[in-house]
Amino acid sequence: MSKNDNDIVVVSFARTAFDRFGGVTKNIPSSDLASWVIAELVKRSGLPSEAVDDVNLGQCILGEAWTQSDIIGRQALIKAGLREETISNNIDRACCSSTSALQLSWKNLMLGEAELSIAVGVDNMGRAPYYLPPERRWDGQRIGDMKLIDKLMNLGYAGFGVLAVDAGEVALEYGITREMQDEWAERSHALWGEADSKGYFKEEIFPVEISQGKTKPPIIFDRDQQPRPGTTVETLAKLPTANGSPTVTAGNAPGLNTGSAGVMVTTRKKAQELGLEPLATVLRVASIALKPRQIAVAPAPAIQKGLELTGLKLDDIKLIEINEAFAAMPLVATKILGDGDEAKIKKLRDITNVNGGAVAMGHPVGASGLRITMTLIAELRRRGGGYGVASICGGLAQGDAVILKVD
């Protein structure tokens, strides 16, 4: 595709390291996490903070946002030092929230409603509060003590299925066994370890000092904390399945994580005016939704829609990122995209998540879409450019796919 002044280009990307459940970031509000990323994006761009026109923030765990009275995007941009007149939006599209934030930034730039936009995603799953039922039990116990509820237990949606159950059952329907999911989880850890040893993630992650009080030195938080050393198919096979799922375990799924990720985008013309190097061109962000149970399927039709909208073919794609909400997702998606052709499926899997994925590095749900996007950009740049796609599923079977090109 030829370059155009109106192309939407990424000029800066950054993320925090991803923390494990109850890790060093356990007490840090999502607005602070997001503010760090916004400030880092501005710093990396070399632009004054007043150059930013709008901030679009995706977040999934809204109960945690409520502890800060919501509008996390607005709070974060002010904390980051952006001018108070900066427009912001908060988006909840489950795990697709940050890619949908990028989609909104893309649209605002295309419409001329912004010239420089930041898309950011964030979640601190460990700060999700307990809550009491909002009403008395008029159908039974009318007075008496009430029990606190933890929405992180058996993650799912009221009146719908448990996510791990839906993903596991659908995986089996596509011939994706527990053993295959464990093998993918082992692969995810191995590839993350190789990439980490080469320093690949240092391009994405910026260091943050985490205070430990007045008597202890701060912790430098600059490396993903979720990866589990010694993860093998043999160790994974010993784990029980989780939440009643037929295949999903704590080993072939990511943790309940904390982190933030973001990108700065503008038009190619504006980037040239500002003296910024385009790191990638965002061709489209395509969105789909399916029957709620089909969450493991969602990345595949999102990718297919993105390719259709851009006129590209699957063979044009050099690298793929599919978020490992469970190991089942990339396995199911590549099988669908490969149309049952084993050689084609293997080829697709060989170019998918080549530096590991969320099973290893973690899945702070609102941030993961932009994490896989910047991981894709960085790896395409290391490989000399080309087309890539980053796709993510979201609760009740939503899906996004970011189609991009690195020159």
Protein backbone atom coordinates (compact mmCIF):
# COMPACT_ATOMS: atom_id res chain seq x y z
CA MET A 1 0.00 0.00 0.00
CA SER A 2 1.27 3.46 -0.88
CA LYS A 3 1.88 6.06 1.82
CA ASN A 4 -0.65 8.84 2.27
CA ASP A 5 -0.61 12.07 4.27
CA ASN A 6 -3.79 10.96 6.02
CA ASP A 7 -2.38 7.61 7.15
CA ILE A 8 -2.69 7.07 10.90
CA VAL A 9 0.73 6.28 12.33
CA VAL A 10 2.08 5.23 15.71
CA VAL A 11 4.83 7.60 16.84
CA SER A 12 5.35 6.34 20.39
CA PHE A 13 4.48 3.26 22.44
CA ALA A 14 5.16 2.28 26.04
CA ARG A 15 3.93 0.07 28.84
CA THR A 16 4.59 -0.73 32.43
CA ALA A 17 5.86 -4.16 33.28
CA PHE A 18 2.96 -6.50 34.06
CA ASP A 19 2.67 -7.49 37.70
CA ARG A 20 1.34 -10.65 39.30
CA PHE A 21 -1.73 -10.75 41.56
CA GLY A 22 -0.82 -9.17 44.88
CA GLY A 23 2.58 -8.01 43.61
CA VAL A 24 4.43 -4.73 44.18
CA THR A 25 1.71 -2.71 42.41
CA LYS A 26 -1.16 -4.16 44.45
CA ASN A 27 -2.02 -0.82 46.05
CA ILE A 28 -1.53 1.45 43.03
CA PRO A 29 -4.76 2.84 41.52
CA SER A 30 -5.36 2.39 37.81
CA SER A 31 -5.40 6.17 37.31
CA ASP A 32 -1.77 6.32 38.52
CA LEU A 33 -0.72 3.40 36.32
CA ALA A 34 -2.29 5.03 33.27
CA SER A 35 -0.80 8.42 34.11
CA TRP A 36 2.69 6.90 34.12
CA VAL A 37 2.15 5.56 30.60
CA ILE A 38 0.72 8.83 29.29
CA ALA A 39 3.68 10.75 30.68
CA GLU A 40 6.12 8.23 29.20
CA LEU A 41 4.51 8.44 25.76
CA VAL A 42 4.90 12.21 25.79
CA LYS A 43 8.49 11.86 27.01
CA ARG A 44 9.37 9.37 24.27
CA SER A 45 7.83 11.58 21.60
CA GLY A 46 9.87 14.59 22.68
CA LEU A 47 6.80 16.80 22.32
CA PRO A 48 5.38 19.24 24.85
CA SER A 49 2.44 17.83 26.78
CA GLU A 50 0.12 20.51 25.41
CA ALA A 51 0.45 18.97 21.94
CA VAL A 52 -1.88 16.10 22.89
CA ASP A 53 -5.48 16.70 21.82
CA ASP A 54 -7.27 13.73 23.36
CA VAL A 55 -6.80 10.62 25.47
CA ASN A 56 -8.94 7.51 25.01
CA LEU A 57 -8.65 5.00 27.82
CA GLY A 58 -9.84 1.41 27.92
CA GLN A 59 -10.53 -0.37 31.19
CA CYS A 60 -12.37 -3.56 32.03
CA ILE A 61 -12.52 -3.85 35.83
CA LEU A 62 -14.89 -0.98 36.48
CA GLY A 63 -15.31 -1.90 40.13
CA GLU A 64 -11.69 -0.86 40.65
CA ALA A 65 -12.35 2.37 38.75
CA TRP A 66 -15.28 3.06 41.07
CA THR A 67 -12.89 3.17 44.04
CA GLN A 68 -11.50 6.31 42.38
CA SER A 69 -14.91 7.69 41.33
CA ASP A 70 -14.51 6.64 37.67
CA ILE A 71 -13.38 8.81 34.66
CA ILE A 72 -9.94 7.25 34.96
CA GLY A 73 -8.84 8.72 31.62
CA ARG A 74 -9.55 12.25 32.82
CA GLN A 75 -7.80 11.68 36.13
CA ALA A 76 -4.80 10.03 34.47
CA LEU A 77 -4.16 12.76 31.91
CA ILE A 78 -4.24 15.48 34.56
CA LYS A 79 -1.89 13.50 36.80
CA ALA A 80 0.41 13.02 33.78
CA GLY A 81 0.69 16.78 33.34
CA LEU A 82 -1.40 17.21 30.20
CA ARG A 83 -3.31 20.45 29.85
CA GLU A 84 -6.67 20.44 31.60
CA GLU A 85 -8.47 21.21 28.33
CA THR A 86 -7.47 17.78 26.92
CA ILE A 87 -10.51 15.75 25.91
CA SER A 88 -10.82 12.20 27.28
CA ASN A 89 -13.04 9.16 26.96
CA ASN A 90 -13.34 5.99 29.00
CA ILE A 91 -14.21 2.77 27.19
CA ASP A 92 -15.36 -0.59 28.56
CA ARG A 93 -15.36 -3.31 25.93
CA ALA A 94 -14.00 -5.97 28.26
CA CYS A 95 -10.56 -7.19 27.11
CA CYS A 96 -11.02 -5.30 23.82
CA SER A 97 -11.14 -1.99 25.69
CA SER A 98 -7.67 -0.72 24.78
CA THR A 99 -7.89 -1.69 21.10
CA SER A 100 -11.27 0.04 21.02
CA ALA A 101 -9.53 3.08 22.54
CA LEU A 102 -7.09 2.95 19.63
CA GLN A 103 -10.01 2.62 17.26
CA LEU A 104 -11.55 5.79 18.69
CA SER A 105 -8.23 7.64 18.40
CA TRP A 106 -7.98 6.44 14.79
CA LYS A 107 -11.47 7.71 14.00
CA ASN A 108 -10.88 11.08 15.67
CA LEU A 109 -7.74 11.59 13.61
CA MET A 110 -9.47 10.50 10.39
CA LEU A 111 -12.31 12.93 11.07
CA GLY A 112 -9.94 15.77 11.85
CA GLU A 113 -11.25 16.08 15.42
CA ALA A 114 -7.74 15.54 16.80
CA GLU A 115 -4.22 15.89 15.45
CA LEU A 116 -2.35 14.01 18.16
CA SER A 117 -4.08 11.33 20.21
CA ILE A 118 -3.17 8.88 22.94
CA ALA A 119 -4.83 5.49 23.38
CA VAL A 120 -4.15 3.72 26.66
CA GLY A 121 -5.40 0.65 28.47
CA VAL A 122 -5.14 -0.19 32.15
CA ASP A 123 -6.30 -2.54 34.89
CA ASN A 124 -5.24 -3.43 38.40
CA MET A 125 -7.17 -6.63 38.96
CA GLY A 126 -5.86 -7.01 42.51
CA ARG A 127 -7.63 -3.79 43.55
CA ALA A 128 -11.06 -5.02 42.47
CA PRO A 129 -13.16 -4.49 45.61
CA TYR A 130 -15.44 -6.89 47.40
CA TYR A 131 -19.04 -5.77 47.45
CA LEU A 132 -22.34 -6.43 49.17
CA PRO A 133 -25.48 -7.39 47.23
CA PRO A 134 -27.40 -4.20 46.43
CA GLU A 135 -30.72 -5.46 47.77
CA ARG A 136 -32.20 -7.52 50.58
CA ARG A 137 -33.12 -11.15 49.96
CA TRP A 138 -36.89 -10.68 49.72
CA ASP A 139 -37.25 -14.18 48.31
CA GLY A 140 -35.79 -15.78 51.43
CA GLN A 141 -33.79 -14.34 54.34
CA ARG A 142 -35.30 -10.88 54.83
CA ILE A 143 -33.07 -9.78 57.71
CA GLY A 144 -29.66 -10.84 58.97
CA ASP A 145 -26.01 -10.75 57.96
CA MET A 146 -24.92 -10.51 54.35
CA LYS A 147 -21.92 -12.06 52.63
CA LEU A 148 -19.31 -10.12 50.69
CA ILE A 149 -19.02 -11.03 47.00
CA ASP A 150 -15.74 -11.30 45.06
CA LYS A 151 -16.33 -10.83 41.33
CA LEU A 152 -12.87 -12.23 40.57
CA MET A 153 -14.12 -15.68 41.57
CA ASN A 154 -15.40 -17.75 38.65
CA LEU A 155 -14.97 -14.89 36.21
CA GLY A 156 -18.01 -14.53 34.03
CA TYR A 157 -21.17 -12.50 33.56
CA ALA A 158 -24.44 -12.77 35.47
CA GLY A 159 -26.91 -14.83 33.46
CA PHE A 160 -24.17 -16.13 31.15
CA GLY A 161 -21.47 -18.78 31.34
CA VAL A 162 -18.16 -18.85 33.19
CA LEU A 163 -15.41 -17.74 30.80
CA ALA A 164 -13.12 -20.69 31.48
CA VAL A 165 -15.98 -23.13 30.90
CA ASP A 166 -17.05 -21.50 27.63
CA ALA A 167 -13.48 -21.38 26.34
CA GLY A 168 -12.74 -24.96 27.32
CA GLU A 169 -15.91 -26.40 25.86
CA VAL A 170 -15.61 -24.50 22.59
CA ALA A 171 -11.95 -25.51 22.32
CA LEU A 172 -12.92 -29.19 22.52
CA GLU A 173 -15.57 -28.64 19.86
CA TYR A 174 -12.76 -27.48 17.56
CA GLY A 175 -10.57 -30.44 18.47
CA ILE A 176 -8.26 -28.42 20.74
CA THR A 177 -7.46 -30.73 23.65
CA ARG A 178 -6.21 -30.01 27.16
CA GLU A 179 -2.82 -31.42 26.14
CA MET A 180 -2.58 -29.01 23.19
CA GLN A 181 -3.38 -26.09 25.47
CA ASP A 182 -0.70 -27.18 27.94
CA GLU A 183 1.81 -27.45 25.08
CA TRP A 184 0.95 -23.92 23.99
CA ALA A 185 1.37 -22.67 27.55
CA GLU A 186 4.83 -24.24 27.71
CA ARG A 187 5.65 -22.60 24.36
CA SER A 188 4.46 -19.23 25.62
CA HIS A 189 6.82 -19.38 28.59
CA ALA A 190 9.76 -20.64 26.54
CA LEU A 191 9.39 -17.95 23.89
CA TRP A 192 8.92 -15.23 26.52
CA GLY A 193 12.11 -16.41 28.22
CA GLU A 194 14.08 -16.25 24.96
CA ALA A 195 12.77 -12.78 24.14
CA ASP A 196 13.38 -11.52 27.67
CA SER A 197 16.96 -12.79 27.65
CA LYS A 198 17.55 -10.84 24.44
CA GLY A 199 16.16 -7.66 26.02
CA TYR A 200 13.29 -7.39 23.55
CA PHE A 201 10.75 -6.12 26.07
CA LYS A 202 12.98 -3.27 27.20
CA GLU A 203 11.81 -1.41 24.10
CA GLU A 204 8.25 -1.56 25.44
CA ILE A 205 8.72 -1.37 29.21
CA PHE A 206 9.85 1.74 31.07
CA PRO A 207 11.12 1.44 34.67
CA VAL A 208 9.01 2.72 37.55
CA GLU A 209 10.03 3.25 41.16
CA ILE A 210 7.57 1.68 43.60
CA SER A 211 7.80 3.16 47.10
CA GLN A 212 8.23 0.74 50.01
CA GLY A 213 7.82 3.35 52.71
CA LYS A 214 10.33 5.55 54.48
CA THR A 215 12.55 2.78 55.84
CA LYS A 216 13.10 0.73 52.67
CA PRO A 217 14.52 1.69 49.27
CA PRO A 218 12.03 1.80 46.36
CA ILE A 219 11.64 -1.22 44.12
CA ILE A 220 12.51 -0.70 40.46
CA PHE A 221 9.61 -2.28 38.60
CA ASP A 222 10.83 -2.96 35.07
CA ARG A 223 10.23 -6.66 34.28
CA ASP A 224 7.10 -8.77 33.88
CA GLN A 225 6.43 -10.66 37.11
CA GLN A 226 3.91 -13.27 35.96
CA PRO A 227 6.17 -15.78 34.11
CA ARG A 228 6.56 -19.03 36.02
CA PRO A 229 10.02 -20.64 35.74
CA GLY A 230 10.04 -24.35 35.13
CA THR A 231 6.74 -24.44 33.29
CA THR A 232 6.65 -27.69 31.32
CA VAL A 233 3.95 -29.87 29.84
CA GLU A 234 4.66 -32.37 32.62
CA THR A 235 4.12 -29.85 35.42
CA LEU A 236 1.09 -28.37 33.69
CA ALA A 237 -0.53 -31.80 33.29
CA LYS A 238 -0.66 -32.19 37.08
CA LEU A 239 -2.84 -29.11 37.58
CA PRO A 240 -6.60 -29.46 38.14
CA THR A 241 -8.98 -27.73 35.79
CA ALA A 242 -10.43 -24.41 36.96
CA ASN A 243 -13.98 -23.19 37.55
CA GLY A 244 -15.53 -26.35 36.13
CA SER A 245 -13.81 -26.01 32.76
CA PRO A 246 -13.01 -29.24 30.89
CA THR A 247 -9.56 -27.98 29.76
CA VAL A 248 -8.58 -24.65 31.32
CA THR A 249 -6.20 -24.65 34.28
CA ALA A 250 -4.24 -22.04 36.19
CA GLY A 251 -1.26 -23.12 34.07
CA ASN A 252 -2.69 -22.69 30.57
CA ALA A 253 -4.35 -19.40 31.47
CA PRO A 254 -2.82 -16.07 32.49
CA GLY A 255 -3.01 -14.66 36.00
CA LEU A 256 -5.07 -11.83 37.46
CA ASN A 257 -2.64 -9.10 36.56
CA THR A 258 -1.84 -5.41 36.80
CA GLY A 259 -0.42 -3.09 34.17
CA SER A 260 -0.94 -0.32 31.66
CA ALA A 261 -0.01 0.11 28.00
CA GLY A 262 -0.44 2.91 25.47
CA VAL A 263 0.36 4.32 22.05
CA MET A 264 0.53 7.83 20.64
CA VAL A 265 -0.93 8.23 17.15
CA THR A 266 -1.19 11.01 14.59
CA THR A 267 -1.43 11.45 10.83
CA ARG A 268 1.60 10.89 8.63
CA LYS A 269 1.48 14.54 7.59
CA LYS A 270 1.41 15.77 11.19
CA ALA A 271 4.21 13.39 12.16
CA GLN A 272 6.35 14.89 9.43
CA GLU A 273 5.53 18.42 10.59
CA LEU A 274 6.50 17.48 14.16
CA GLY A 275 9.65 15.66 13.12
CA LEU A 276 8.41 12.31 14.45
CA GLU A 277 9.32 8.93 12.98
CA PRO A 278 6.30 6.74 12.14
CA LEU A 279 6.86 3.40 13.87
CA ALA A 280 3.89 1.74 12.17
CA THR A 281 0.82 2.58 10.12
CA VAL A 282 -2.49 1.54 11.64
CA LEU A 283 -4.57 0.50 8.65
CA ARG A 284 -7.75 -0.42 10.53
CA VAL A 285 -9.09 -1.58 13.86
CA ALA A 286 -11.90 -4.04 13.08
CA SER A 287 -14.51 -5.09 15.64
CA ILE A 288 -16.90 -8.04 15.73
CA ALA A 289 -19.29 -9.71 18.16
CA LEU A 290 -20.62 -13.26 18.23
CA LYS A 291 -22.96 -15.40 20.29
CA PRO A 292 -21.76 -14.91 23.90
CA ARG A 293 -20.43 -18.44 24.34
CA GLN A 294 -18.04 -18.17 21.37
CA ILE A 295 -15.31 -16.14 23.09
CA ALA A 296 -12.55 -18.54 22.00
CA VAL A 297 -13.61 -18.09 18.38
CA ALA A 298 -13.70 -14.27 18.35
CA PRO A 299 -10.11 -13.43 17.27
CA ALA A 300 -10.51 -15.32 13.97
CA PRO A 301 -13.52 -13.43 12.52
CA ALA A 302 -12.04 -10.16 13.80
CA ILE A 303 -8.89 -10.87 11.78
CA GLN A 304 -10.95 -11.90 8.76
CA LYS A 305 -12.95 -8.67 8.94
CA GLY A 306 -9.79 -6.58 9.29
CA LEU A 307 -8.25 -8.24 6.24
CA GLU A 308 -11.43 -7.68 4.24
CA LEU A 309 -11.57 -3.99 5.18
CA THR A 310 -7.94 -3.44 4.17
CA GLY A 311 -7.96 -5.60 1.06
CA LEU A 312 -5.19 -7.80 2.42
CA LYS A 313 -4.94 -11.58 2.33
CA LEU A 314 -3.83 -13.84 5.15
CA ASP A 315 -0.73 -14.68 3.11
CA ASP A 316 0.24 -10.97 3.24
CA ILE A 317 0.57 -11.14 7.03
CA LYS A 318 4.10 -11.61 8.33
CA LEU A 319 3.34 -11.85 12.05
CA ILE A 320 0.25 -12.41 14.19
CA GLU A 321 -0.46 -11.64 17.83
CA ILE A 322 -3.50 -13.30 19.39
CA ASN A 323 -4.03 -12.53 23.04
CA GLU A 324 -3.79 -15.61 25.21
CA ALA A 325 -6.83 -14.96 27.39
CA PHE A 326 -6.51 -18.72 27.59
CA ALA A 327 -4.15 -20.90 25.57
CA ALA A 328 -7.29 -22.03 23.77
CA MET A 329 -7.72 -18.71 21.96
CA PRO A 330 -4.72 -18.74 19.56
CA LEU A 331 -5.22 -22.47 18.98
CA VAL A 332 -8.89 -22.16 18.07
CA ALA A 333 -8.35 -18.98 16.02
CA THR A 334 -5.49 -20.38 13.95
CA LYS A 335 -7.46 -23.53 13.26
CA ILE A 336 -10.36 -21.46 11.94
CA LEU A 337 -8.07 -19.21 9.90
CA GLY A 338 -6.26 -22.26 8.52
CA ASP A 339 -9.58 -23.67 7.35
CA GLY A 340 -8.70 -27.15 8.56
CA ASP A 341 -5.54 -27.39 6.45
CA GLU A 342 -2.91 -28.78 8.84
CA ALA A 343 0.04 -27.33 6.91
CA LYS A 344 -1.58 -23.89 6.83
CA ILE A 345 -2.52 -24.10 10.51
CA LYS A 346 1.08 -24.95 11.45
CA LYS A 347 2.39 -22.06 9.36
CA LEU A 348 0.00 -19.66 11.09
CA ARG A 349 0.95 -20.92 14.55
CA ASP A 350 4.64 -20.55 13.72
CA ILE A 351 4.14 -16.81 13.15
CA THR A 352 1.77 -16.28 16.09
CA ASN A 353 2.98 -14.90 19.45
CA VAL A 354 6.62 -15.45 18.51
CA ASN A 355 7.81 -13.84 21.76
CA GLY A 356 5.33 -15.63 23.99
CA GLY A 357 2.00 -14.31 25.17
CA ALA A 358 -0.28 -13.54 28.06
CA VAL A 359 -0.14 -17.04 29.55
CA ALA A 360 3.48 -16.20 30.36
CA MET A 361 3.65 -12.43 30.78
CA GLY A 362 0.18 -11.76 32.15
CA HIS A 363 -3.15 -10.30 31.09
CA PRO A 364 -4.19 -7.06 32.86
CA VAL A 365 -7.37 -7.21 30.86
CA GLY A 366 -7.88 -3.57 29.89
CA ALA A 367 -4.24 -3.18 28.83
CA SER A 368 -3.56 -6.34 26.82
CA GLY A 369 -4.86 -5.19 23.45
CA LEU A 370 -2.31 -2.41 23.20
CA ARG A 371 0.39 -4.64 24.69
CA ILE A 372 0.06 -7.13 21.83
CA THR A 373 -0.09 -4.21 19.38
CA MET A 374 3.25 -2.75 20.50
CA THR A 375 4.85 -6.19 20.76
CA LEU A 376 3.82 -6.75 17.14
CA ILE A 377 5.22 -3.39 16.01
CA ALA A 378 8.54 -3.95 17.78
CA GLU A 379 9.02 -7.44 16.34
CA LEU A 380 8.10 -6.38 12.80
CA ARG A 381 10.68 -3.62 13.08
CA ARG A 382 13.31 -6.13 14.16
CA ARG A 383 12.40 -8.28 11.14
CA GLY A 384 12.60 -5.49 8.58
CA GLY A 385 8.93 -4.55 8.41
CA GLY A 386 5.80 -5.98 6.84
CA TYR A 387 2.11 -6.41 7.61
CA GLY A 388 0.90 -7.72 10.94
CA VAL A 389 -2.29 -8.23 12.88
CA ALA A 390 -2.95 -8.12 16.63
CA SER A 391 -6.26 -9.63 17.70
CA ILE A 392 -7.96 -9.98 21.06
CA CYS A 393 -11.21 -11.49 22.34
CA GLY A 394 -13.41 -9.82 24.91
CA GLY A 395 -16.14 -10.90 27.31
CA LEU A 396 -19.37 -12.30 25.84
CA ALA A 397 -17.54 -13.01 22.55
CA GLN A 398 -16.43 -9.64 21.29
CA GLY A 399 -13.30 -9.30 19.20
CA ASP A 400 -10.93 -6.65 17.83
CA ALA A 401 -8.15 -6.88 15.28
CA VAL A 402 -5.52 -4.18 14.66
CA ILE A 403 -4.17 -4.37 11.10
CA LEU A 404 -0.91 -2.51 10.75
CA LYS A 405 2.17 -2.14 8.59
CA VAL A 406 5.77 -1.42 9.47
CA ASP A 407 7.78 0.06 6.59
